[in-house]
Protein backbone atom coordinates (compact mmCIF):
# COMPACT_ATOMS: atom_id res chain seq x y z
CA MET A 1 -12.47 82.79 180.60
CA ASN A 2 -12.43 86.47 181.51
CA LYS A 3 -9.56 88.54 182.88
CA ALA A 4 -10.49 88.23 186.55
CA GLU A 5 -10.78 84.45 186.35
CA TRP A 6 -7.41 84.20 184.60
CA ILE A 7 -5.71 86.37 187.26
CA GLU A 8 -7.20 84.25 190.07
CA GLU A 9 -6.07 81.04 188.37
CA PHE A 10 -2.58 82.50 187.84
CA LYS A 11 -2.39 83.44 191.56
CA LYS A 12 -3.38 79.89 192.57
CA ILE A 13 -0.77 78.29 190.32
CA ASN A 14 2.13 80.70 190.88
CA GLY A 15 1.33 82.23 194.26
CA ARG A 16 1.81 85.81 193.02
CA ASP A 17 0.28 88.44 190.75
CA PRO A 18 1.11 88.14 187.05
CA ARG A 19 3.84 90.36 185.65
CA PRO A 20 2.78 92.79 182.92
CA SER A 21 4.71 90.78 180.32
CA GLU A 22 3.01 87.56 181.39
CA PHE A 23 -0.37 89.28 181.27
CA ARG A 24 0.26 90.55 177.72
CA GLU A 25 1.56 87.16 176.55
CA ALA A 26 -1.53 85.39 177.88
CA LEU A 27 -3.76 88.02 176.29
CA ASN A 28 -1.93 87.57 172.97
CA ARG A 29 -2.38 83.79 173.23
CA GLN A 30 -6.08 84.48 173.85
CA GLU A 31 -6.14 82.55 177.12
CA PHE A 32 -8.76 85.02 178.35
CA SER A 33 -10.83 87.90 177.02
CA LEU A 34 -11.21 91.44 178.26
CA ASP A 35 -14.87 91.95 179.05
CA ASP A 36 -17.01 93.97 181.48
CA SER A 37 -17.26 91.22 184.08
CA GLY A 38 -13.70 91.91 185.21
CA ALA A 39 -13.99 95.71 185.17
CA ASP A 40 -13.58 95.99 188.96
CA GLN A 41 -9.86 95.06 188.71
CA PRO A 42 -7.56 97.40 186.79
CA LEU A 43 -5.33 96.14 184.00
CA PRO A 44 -1.67 95.81 184.93
CA ALA A 45 0.25 98.70 183.37
CA VAL A 46 3.41 98.29 181.36
CA GLY A 47 5.58 99.88 184.02
CA GLU A 48 3.82 98.22 186.99
CA ASP A 49 5.83 95.94 189.28
CA GLU A 50 9.08 96.40 187.35
CA SER A 51 11.14 95.37 190.38
CA GLN A 52 10.34 91.73 189.61
CA LEU A 53 11.47 92.02 185.98
CA SER A 54 15.05 91.22 185.07
CA ARG A 55 17.15 93.72 183.14
CA LYS A 56 16.89 91.58 180.05
CA GLU A 57 13.08 91.52 180.25
CA LYS A 58 12.98 95.29 180.80
CA ARG A 59 15.12 95.90 177.70
CA ARG A 60 12.99 93.51 175.67
CA LEU A 61 9.81 95.29 176.80
CA GLU A 62 11.28 98.71 176.01
CA LYS A 63 12.35 97.51 172.57
CA ALA A 64 8.94 96.02 171.89
CA ALA A 65 7.25 99.24 173.04
CA ARG A 66 9.38 101.34 170.69
CA GLY A 67 8.93 99.02 167.77
CA LYS A 68 11.60 98.20 165.25
CA ASN A 69 12.24 100.56 162.40
CA ARG A 70 13.60 98.34 159.63
CA HIS A 71 14.20 101.36 157.41
CA ASN A 72 16.43 103.27 159.80
CA GLY A 73 18.91 105.40 157.88
CA ILE A 74 17.12 105.32 154.53
CA ASN A 75 16.36 109.06 154.75
CA ALA A 76 20.01 109.85 155.32
CA LEU A 77 21.06 107.57 152.46
CA ILE A 78 18.63 109.20 150.02
CA LEU A 79 19.71 112.69 151.12
CA SER A 80 23.38 111.81 150.73
CA MET A 81 22.78 110.48 147.19
CA LEU A 82 20.82 113.59 146.26
CA SER A 83 23.55 115.80 147.70
CA LEU A 84 26.15 113.95 145.64
CA LEU A 85 24.02 114.43 142.53
CA PHE A 86 23.66 118.16 143.14
CA THR A 87 27.29 118.70 144.06
CA LEU A 88 28.49 116.71 141.01
CA SER A 89 26.11 118.40 138.57
CA PRO A 90 28.20 121.61 138.29
CA ILE A 91 31.17 119.59 137.06
CA LEU A 92 28.96 117.78 134.56
CA ILE A 93 27.58 121.12 133.35
CA VAL A 94 30.96 122.82 133.15
CA LEU A 95 32.59 119.92 131.29
CA ASN A 96 29.76 119.75 128.77
CA PRO A 97 31.25 120.63 125.35
CA ARG A 98 28.33 122.96 124.44
CA VAL A 99 28.86 124.98 127.61
CA ILE A 100 32.61 125.17 127.03
CA LEU A 101 32.23 126.26 123.39
CA ASN A 102 29.81 129.04 124.40
CA ALA A 103 32.08 130.27 127.19
CA GLY A 104 32.98 133.46 125.32
CA SER A 105 29.94 135.62 126.06
CA VAL A 106 29.74 137.34 129.42
CA SER A 107 25.99 136.79 129.85
CA SER A 108 26.20 133.04 129.28
CA ASP A 109 29.16 132.82 131.66
CA ASP A 110 27.26 134.73 134.35
CA ASN A 111 24.11 132.66 133.90
CA THR A 112 26.02 129.38 133.90
CA GLY A 113 28.08 130.46 136.89
CA SER A 114 25.00 131.44 138.88
CA PHE A 115 23.24 128.20 138.02
CA VAL A 116 26.29 126.10 138.89
CA ALA A 117 26.77 127.90 142.22
CA ALA A 118 23.09 127.47 143.12
CA LEU A 119 23.20 123.73 142.34
CA PHE A 120 26.42 123.26 144.26
CA PHE A 121 25.27 125.06 147.39
CA PHE A 122 21.92 123.28 147.33
CA GLY A 123 23.95 120.05 147.26
CA VAL A 124 25.98 121.29 150.23
CA LEU A 125 22.75 121.99 152.14
CA LEU A 126 21.53 118.47 151.36
CA LEU A 127 24.91 117.14 152.48
CA LEU A 128 24.57 118.84 155.87
CA LEU A 129 21.05 117.44 156.25
CA SER A 130 22.21 113.94 155.30
CA LEU A 131 25.02 114.10 157.86
CA LEU A 132 22.55 115.21 160.51
CA PHE A 133 20.08 112.43 159.64
CA ALA A 134 22.88 109.84 159.50
CA ILE A 135 24.21 110.82 162.92
CA MET A 136 20.71 110.69 164.42
CA SER A 137 20.10 107.28 162.79
CA LEU A 138 23.30 105.86 164.27
CA PHE A 139 21.63 105.83 167.70
CA GLU A 140 18.80 103.52 166.61
CA SER A 141 18.89 99.98 165.36
CA PRO A 142 19.35 98.60 162.75
CA ARG A 143 22.38 100.74 161.97
CA GLN A 144 23.56 99.28 158.64
CA MET A 145 21.97 101.89 156.38
CA ALA A 146 22.85 104.69 158.77
CA ILE A 147 26.53 103.66 158.66
CA ILE A 148 26.47 103.47 154.85
CA ALA A 149 24.80 106.89 154.65
CA PHE A 150 27.31 108.37 157.10
CA VAL A 151 30.31 107.03 155.14
CA PHE A 152 28.75 108.15 151.85
CA SER A 153 28.16 111.62 153.32
CA LEU A 154 31.76 111.82 154.56
CA ILE A 155 33.07 110.94 151.08
CA ASN A 156 30.82 113.62 149.61
CA ALA A 157 32.00 116.09 152.26
CA PHE A 158 35.60 115.40 151.26
CA TYR A 159 34.67 116.00 147.62
CA VAL A 160 32.92 119.28 148.52
CA TYR A 161 35.97 120.38 150.53
CA THR A 162 38.20 119.61 147.55
CA VAL A 163 35.99 121.56 145.13
CA VAL A 164 35.79 124.56 147.44
CA ASN A 165 39.57 124.60 147.87
CA PHE A 166 40.08 124.28 144.12
CA THR A 167 37.74 127.15 143.31
CA GLN A 168 39.23 129.28 146.05
CA PHE A 169 42.90 128.85 145.16
CA SER A 170 42.95 127.81 141.50
CA ALA A 171 40.60 130.12 139.65
CA MET A 172 43.25 131.11 137.12
CA ASP A 173 44.18 127.48 136.48
CA PHE A 174 40.52 126.72 135.82
CA GLN A 175 40.42 129.41 133.13
CA LYS A 176 43.41 127.73 131.47
CA VAL A 177 41.62 124.37 131.58
CA VAL A 178 38.53 125.91 129.97
CA SER A 179 40.61 127.39 127.15
CA ILE A 180 42.32 124.02 126.58
CA PHE A 181 38.91 122.31 126.35
CA GLN A 182 37.67 125.02 124.00
CA ASN A 183 40.62 124.37 121.70
CA ILE A 184 39.98 120.61 121.81
CA PHE A 185 36.27 120.85 120.98
CA ARG A 186 36.61 123.41 118.17
């Protein structure tokens, strides 16, 4: 059966034109084929005759048209984990015994400090990107990974805030901690 024959049969049975959703369902069930013999009648468009569709059917059609992204929020989750890695790496570098024992020379301190600052601020940049991606992902479904990424990013943001406050207000205390560690590892 071709498209035109199916539409005529549908009109005889139901007394009306088929809705776009009914047309697509019949086409998916292969009740008719699209061939050149029915080319004189246009295909019903997705948005055609939407006044007859219920709100539930409209939402279902819109959802089907958008498709479902099962991996929503994975980008934000990966970015938040990478940002945590980069913002934690300065602490792991600074607390490394070899770095602490070599803390006497000015050049090694400057190099280590520059490297640590670059890693930390790259982590902060990744943190901002992960927060942005997580917030954007919260508006799409499924939201589970987006919520996890958002919470993970907020925890990392709190950690970054704590580190920035510590370095801003406790620089002298940090030097005391380094000298204590140097005495322990020697």
